[in-house]
Amino acid sequence: MRYSLISKFQGAYLGQVIEKQLSNNNNKLVDNYSIDHFLNSNLILQDIVNDLDNDLEIWRKYFPVSKNLTISDITLGLLPWILFYHDNWHQLRYLVTQVSKEINLKSEDREIIEVWIYEVVLALREKLDINYPIKQIISRLKLQHTLNLEQLQLIAIALSQGQSSKQILEILLAKINDRSRIELLFSLYLFLSIPEDFPLIIRRGIAVSHKFRNTVSLTGTLAGAYNSVEGIPPHWLNLTQNYQGVMTNMTTVKKLFNFWSGVYHDDTHNLVSSVIAIPNTLQPRANLKIISQEEYRAK
């Protein structure tokens, strides 16, 4: 099923913060993040909209080197840019490279961040091959590091063999020392094992969140981008209605969407954003003739 792009933007954003809503309403099921991406995200979105040419400066403002960021922290912090540049992989990859240089990130860590981000991009653009997702991403990104190839193959094998989340987590813990890297890989597994069941994905993430602080946010972002806001249970969405910060951010997400779509004003009420399709998804119709600007000028 195709979803409007604005609903996918909203789904990805709410997927990242839904854990916070559940914890605030269920006696703190999980710990808060070491870096409060939720509080920062609205400010970041506003800065991106107001200053489209200074991505790295905006990133520095909210994620100084002194924070000792893990690779999962960095990945989550890039969500506003992932949304805005979801159809411009060159620009998005360039920003990841700039950020990596800023904090002296190892090239194999930069590459695994790109893998996770590209999975979100594919979900947003409805280009994800849900049957062979790991093969798809390896072939498209042309990964260079054996370490990443081997670890992604572990996920591919787990998916093909139907291994449980407990089994693959034990395998990852036995083979990988970096818990932040495990979070990125494990979130891919949780999402890809049951991609169309947002509630179950989140519940499985919460079951291990006492060990990994960013797992639910990473997994929820992937699931939200794929299923859109329409895949989030209504009673969970109702929780967000009672938390002003989320609703403020949702307004800013709409504003960011407006800027992405070329509508450079703040009035979100006049834009029927639900009818704007994902790029390259316009279906041919017998009575529809599309005339390009180049053809028009030729006349």
Protein backbone atom coordinates (compact mmCIF):
# COMPACT_ATOMS: atom_id res chain seq x y z
CA MET A 1 0.00 0.00 0.00
CA ARG A 2 1.27 3.49 -0.87
CA TYR A 3 1.20 6.19 1.79
CA SER A 4 1.50 9.93 1.35
CA LEU A 5 5.01 11.23 1.94
CA ILE A 6 3.96 13.57 4.75
CA SER A 7 2.50 10.59 6.64
CA LYS A 8 5.83 8.81 6.22
CA PHE A 9 7.71 11.86 7.54
CA GLN A 10 5.41 11.89 10.55
CA GLY A 11 5.69 8.13 11.01
CA ALA A 12 9.49 8.24 11.05
CA TYR A 13 9.51 11.10 13.54
CA LEU A 14 6.92 9.54 15.87
CA GLY A 15 8.66 6.19 15.54
CA GLN A 16 11.78 7.75 17.02
CA VAL A 17 10.02 9.31 20.01
CA ILE A 18 7.23 6.79 20.67
CA GLU A 19 9.35 5.06 23.33
CA LYS A 20 9.44 8.29 25.31
CA GLN A 21 5.65 8.55 25.16
CA LEU A 22 5.17 4.97 26.33
CA SER A 23 7.66 5.41 29.17
CA ASN A 24 6.01 8.67 30.30
CA ASN A 25 2.64 6.94 30.47
CA ASN A 26 3.61 3.51 31.78
CA ASN A 27 5.74 4.13 34.83
CA LYS A 28 8.97 4.62 32.91
CA LEU A 29 9.28 1.29 31.13
CA VAL A 30 12.61 2.37 29.72
CA ASP A 31 15.44 4.76 30.47
CA ASN A 32 15.70 8.10 28.69
CA TYR A 33 18.43 8.66 26.11
CA SER A 34 21.76 10.02 27.21
CA ILE A 35 21.21 12.74 24.59
CA ASP A 36 17.66 14.03 24.45
CA HIS A 37 17.04 13.86 20.72
CA PHE A 38 13.39 14.50 21.36
CA LEU A 39 13.90 17.94 22.87
CA ASN A 40 16.47 18.92 20.23
CA SER A 41 14.63 17.70 17.15
CA ASN A 42 12.14 20.57 16.93
CA LEU A 43 14.93 23.15 17.21
CA ILE A 44 17.00 21.33 14.61
CA LEU A 45 14.07 21.16 12.20
CA GLN A 46 13.47 24.88 12.63
CA ASP A 47 17.13 25.68 11.98
CA ILE A 48 17.20 23.54 8.84
CA VAL A 49 14.15 25.33 7.47
CA ASN A 50 15.55 28.76 8.35
CA ASP A 51 19.11 28.13 7.13
CA LEU A 52 19.20 25.58 4.32
CA ASP A 53 22.87 26.02 3.48
CA ASN A 54 24.59 25.37 6.81
CA ASP A 55 23.88 21.76 7.70
CA LEU A 56 27.20 21.07 9.39
CA GLU A 57 27.03 24.25 11.48
CA ILE A 58 23.56 23.27 12.68
CA TRP A 59 24.79 19.79 13.52
CA ARG A 60 27.72 21.23 15.51
CA LYS A 61 25.33 23.43 17.46
CA TYR A 62 23.34 20.51 18.84
CA PHE A 63 25.92 17.73 18.85
CA PRO A 64 29.26 19.12 20.06
CA VAL A 65 32.25 16.78 20.07
CA SER A 66 32.41 17.02 23.87
CA LYS A 67 29.23 14.91 24.09
CA ASN A 68 31.18 11.71 23.34
CA LEU A 69 28.64 10.53 20.81
CA THR A 70 28.22 6.87 19.95
CA ILE A 71 27.45 5.86 16.38
CA SER A 72 23.81 5.17 17.30
CA ASP A 73 23.57 8.65 18.89
CA ILE A 74 24.95 10.19 15.70
CA THR A 75 22.54 8.20 13.53
CA LEU A 76 19.48 9.25 15.51
CA GLY A 77 20.60 12.87 15.55
CA LEU A 78 20.64 12.93 11.75
CA LEU A 79 16.92 12.15 11.37
CA PRO A 80 15.85 15.73 10.47
CA TRP A 81 18.38 15.73 7.61
CA ILE A 82 17.37 12.20 6.58
CA LEU A 83 13.82 13.44 6.11
CA PHE A 84 14.82 16.58 4.26
CA TYR A 85 17.38 14.92 1.97
CA HIS A 86 15.64 11.57 1.55
CA ASP A 87 15.56 12.05 -2.23
CA ASN A 88 19.12 13.43 -2.45
CA TRP A 89 21.44 10.63 -1.40
CA HIS A 90 24.52 12.52 -2.59
CA GLN A 91 23.82 15.44 -0.23
CA LEU A 92 22.89 13.18 2.67
CA ARG A 93 26.02 11.08 2.27
CA TYR A 94 28.12 14.24 2.03
CA LEU A 95 26.75 15.41 5.39
CA VAL A 96 27.52 12.03 6.99
CA THR A 97 31.08 12.31 5.66
CA GLN A 98 31.42 15.83 7.08
CA VAL A 99 30.13 14.73 10.48
CA SER A 100 32.46 11.71 10.44
CA LYS A 101 35.46 13.94 9.82
CA GLU A 102 34.33 16.32 12.54
CA ILE A 103 34.56 13.62 15.21
CA ASN A 104 37.26 11.44 13.63
CA LEU A 105 34.88 8.55 13.06
CA LYS A 106 36.35 5.35 11.67
CA SER A 107 35.43 4.72 8.04
CA GLU A 108 33.77 1.38 8.84
CA ASP A 109 31.56 3.13 11.41
CA ARG A 110 30.63 5.82 8.92
CA GLU A 111 29.68 3.09 6.46
CA ILE A 112 27.40 1.24 8.92
CA ILE A 113 25.65 4.55 9.70
CA GLU A 114 25.11 5.00 5.96
CA VAL A 115 23.64 1.50 5.77
CA TRP A 116 21.05 2.28 8.43
CA ILE A 117 20.23 5.68 6.91
CA TYR A 118 19.86 4.19 3.44
CA GLU A 119 17.38 1.66 4.81
CA VAL A 120 15.25 4.56 6.08
CA VAL A 121 15.57 6.29 2.70
CA LEU A 122 14.39 3.16 0.89
CA ALA A 123 11.44 2.86 3.27
CA LEU A 124 10.46 6.51 2.77
CA ARG A 125 10.66 6.15 -1.02
CA GLU A 126 8.87 2.78 -1.06
CA LYS A 127 11.86 1.21 -2.79
CA LEU A 128 12.71 -1.35 -0.10
CA ASP A 129 12.98 -4.95 -1.32
CA ILE A 130 11.45 -6.58 1.72
CA ASN A 131 12.34 -10.09 0.50
CA TYR A 132 16.07 -9.45 0.03
CA PRO A 133 16.78 -6.22 1.94
CA ILE A 134 20.38 -6.96 2.95
CA LYS A 135 21.35 -8.06 -0.55
CA GLN A 136 19.73 -4.92 -1.93
CA ILE A 137 21.59 -2.53 0.35
CA ILE A 138 24.96 -4.25 -0.10
CA SER A 139 24.67 -4.10 -3.89
CA ARG A 140 23.43 -0.52 -4.03
CA LEU A 141 25.92 0.99 -1.59
CA LYS A 142 28.85 -1.14 -2.79
CA LEU A 143 30.17 -1.57 0.74
CA GLN A 144 33.94 -1.50 1.14
CA HIS A 145 34.53 -2.91 4.62
CA THR A 146 34.65 -6.66 5.21
CA LEU A 147 33.59 -6.09 8.81
CA ASN A 148 30.28 -4.55 7.75
CA LEU A 149 29.69 -7.16 5.06
CA GLU A 150 30.21 -10.00 7.53
CA GLN A 151 27.96 -8.45 10.17
CA LEU A 152 25.19 -7.69 7.70
CA GLN A 153 25.38 -11.28 6.49
CA LEU A 154 24.64 -12.37 10.06
CA ILE A 155 21.41 -10.39 9.86
CA ALA A 156 20.59 -11.81 6.43
CA ILE A 157 21.10 -15.38 7.69
CA ALA A 158 18.98 -14.72 10.79
CA LEU A 159 16.16 -13.38 8.61
CA SER A 160 16.31 -16.29 6.16
CA GLN A 161 16.39 -18.90 8.95
CA GLY A 162 13.68 -17.22 11.01
CA GLN A 163 15.89 -16.89 14.07
CA SER A 164 14.32 -15.26 17.11
CA SER A 165 15.36 -11.81 18.28
CA LYS A 166 16.94 -13.44 21.35
CA GLN A 167 19.03 -15.76 19.16
CA ILE A 168 20.39 -13.06 16.86
CA LEU A 169 21.06 -10.74 19.81
CA GLU A 170 23.13 -13.45 21.50
CA ILE A 171 25.08 -13.96 18.26
CA LEU A 172 25.76 -10.23 17.90
CA LEU A 173 26.84 -9.91 21.53
CA ALA A 174 29.23 -12.84 21.12
CA LYS A 175 30.84 -11.48 17.96
CA ILE A 176 30.77 -7.67 18.39
CA ASN A 177 32.23 -5.62 21.23
CA ASP A 178 30.69 -2.27 20.24
CA ARG A 179 27.19 -2.12 21.75
CA SER A 180 26.28 0.94 19.71
CA ARG A 181 27.08 -0.97 16.50
CA ILE A 182 24.98 -3.86 17.79
CA GLU A 183 22.06 -1.44 18.20
CA LEU A 184 22.19 -0.43 14.54
CA LEU A 185 22.36 -4.02 13.32
CA PHE A 186 19.77 -5.31 15.77
CA SER A 187 17.32 -2.53 14.88
CA LEU A 188 17.63 -3.57 11.22
CA TYR A 189 16.82 -7.15 12.21
CA LEU A 190 13.85 -6.20 14.40
CA PHE A 191 12.34 -4.09 11.64
CA LEU A 192 13.02 -6.43 8.72
CA SER A 193 11.75 -9.53 10.57
CA ILE A 194 8.22 -8.07 10.92
CA PRO A 195 8.20 -4.86 8.83
CA GLU A 196 4.44 -4.33 8.68
CA ASP A 197 3.64 -4.74 12.39
CA PHE A 198 4.64 -1.48 14.07
CA PRO A 199 3.33 -2.33 17.59
CA LEU A 200 5.08 -5.70 17.71
CA ILE A 201 8.35 -4.16 16.48
CA ILE A 202 8.25 -1.60 19.29
CA ARG A 203 7.33 -4.15 21.95
CA ARG A 204 10.24 -6.38 20.92
CA GLY A 205 12.55 -3.39 21.09
CA ILE A 206 11.30 -2.44 24.56
CA ALA A 207 12.01 -6.00 25.73
CA VAL A 208 15.75 -5.39 25.29
CA SER A 209 15.87 -1.63 25.81
CA HIS A 210 17.27 -2.01 29.32
CA LYS A 211 20.47 -3.18 27.61
CA PHE A 212 20.48 -0.78 24.65
CA ARG A 213 19.20 2.77 25.14
CA ASN A 214 18.68 3.66 21.45
CA THR A 215 17.29 0.39 20.09
CA VAL A 216 13.61 1.33 20.23
CA SER A 217 14.21 4.75 18.68
CA LEU A 218 16.26 3.28 15.83
CA THR A 219 13.75 0.51 15.17
CA GLY A 220 10.76 2.81 15.51
CA THR A 221 12.19 5.22 12.96
CA LEU A 222 12.57 2.44 10.40
CA ALA A 223 9.10 1.05 11.12
CA GLY A 224 7.52 4.51 11.07
CA ALA A 225 9.11 5.41 7.75
CA TYR A 226 7.87 2.15 6.23
CA ASN A 227 4.34 2.02 7.71
CA SER A 228 3.79 5.79 8.03
CA VAL A 229 1.86 7.38 10.86
CA GLU A 230 -1.13 5.28 9.77
CA GLY A 231 0.61 2.15 11.03
CA ILE A 232 0.89 3.47 14.59
CA PRO A 233 -1.96 2.28 16.86
CA PRO A 234 -4.57 5.00 17.53
CA HIS A 235 -4.27 4.67 21.31
CA TRP A 236 -0.51 5.28 21.04
CA LEU A 237 -1.15 8.33 18.89
CA ASN A 238 -3.56 9.57 21.55
CA LEU A 239 -0.69 9.59 24.03
CA THR A 240 1.11 12.13 21.88
CA GLN A 241 -1.92 14.44 21.94
CA ASN A 242 -1.32 14.97 25.65
CA TYR A 243 2.34 15.90 25.23
CA GLN A 244 2.75 19.40 23.82
CA GLY A 245 6.33 18.89 22.69
CA VAL A 246 5.38 16.15 20.23
CA MET A 247 2.59 18.19 18.67
CA THR A 248 4.92 21.18 18.28
CA ASN A 249 7.43 18.96 16.53
CA MET A 250 4.75 17.51 14.26
CA THR A 251 3.92 21.02 13.11
CA THR A 252 7.58 21.60 12.35
CA VAL A 253 7.76 18.29 10.45
CA LYS A 254 4.93 19.60 8.25
CA LYS A 255 6.85 22.82 7.75
CA LEU A 256 9.96 20.86 6.77
CA PHE A 257 7.85 18.87 4.33
CA ASN A 258 6.55 22.10 2.82
CA PHE A 259 10.08 23.32 2.21
CA TRP A 260 11.10 19.99 0.71
CA SER A 261 8.11 20.09 -1.64
CA GLY A 262 8.90 23.63 -2.77
CA VAL A 263 6.15 25.46 -0.90
CA TYR A 264 8.18 28.18 0.82
CA HIS A 265 5.73 29.53 3.36
CA ASP A 266 4.66 28.70 6.89
CA ASP A 267 0.95 28.21 6.28
CA THR A 268 0.48 24.46 6.59
CA HIS A 269 -3.31 24.76 6.34
CA ASN A 270 -3.40 25.71 2.66
CA LEU A 271 -1.18 22.86 1.44
CA VAL A 272 -3.00 19.60 0.78
CA SER A 273 0.16 17.66 1.59
CA SER A 274 -1.55 14.29 1.66
CA VAL A 275 -1.85 14.34 -2.13
CA ILE A 276 1.88 14.88 -2.74
CA ALA A 277 3.38 11.57 -3.80
CA ILE A 278 6.75 10.06 -3.22
CA PRO A 279 9.17 10.96 -6.05
CA ASN A 280 8.99 8.78 -9.17
CA THR A 281 5.74 7.08 -8.13
CA LEU A 282 3.29 8.84 -10.48
CA GLN A 283 1.37 6.08 -12.21
CA PRO A 284 0.62 6.35 -15.96
CA ARG A 285 -2.97 7.03 -16.93
CA ALA A 286 -4.50 6.66 -20.38
CA ASN A 287 -5.83 10.23 -20.59
CA LEU A 288 -2.90 11.96 -18.89
CA LYS A 289 -0.24 13.65 -20.99
CA ILE A 290 2.87 14.92 -19.22
CA ILE A 291 4.75 17.74 -20.94
CA SER A 292 8.22 18.52 -19.67
CA GLN A 293 9.61 22.04 -19.46
CA GLU A 294 12.14 21.11 -22.11
CA GLU A 295 9.40 20.06 -24.52
CA TYR A 296 7.46 23.22 -23.75
CA ARG A 297 10.45 25.45 -24.48
CA ALA A 298 11.08 23.57 -27.73
CA LYS A 299 7.73 24.83 -29.02
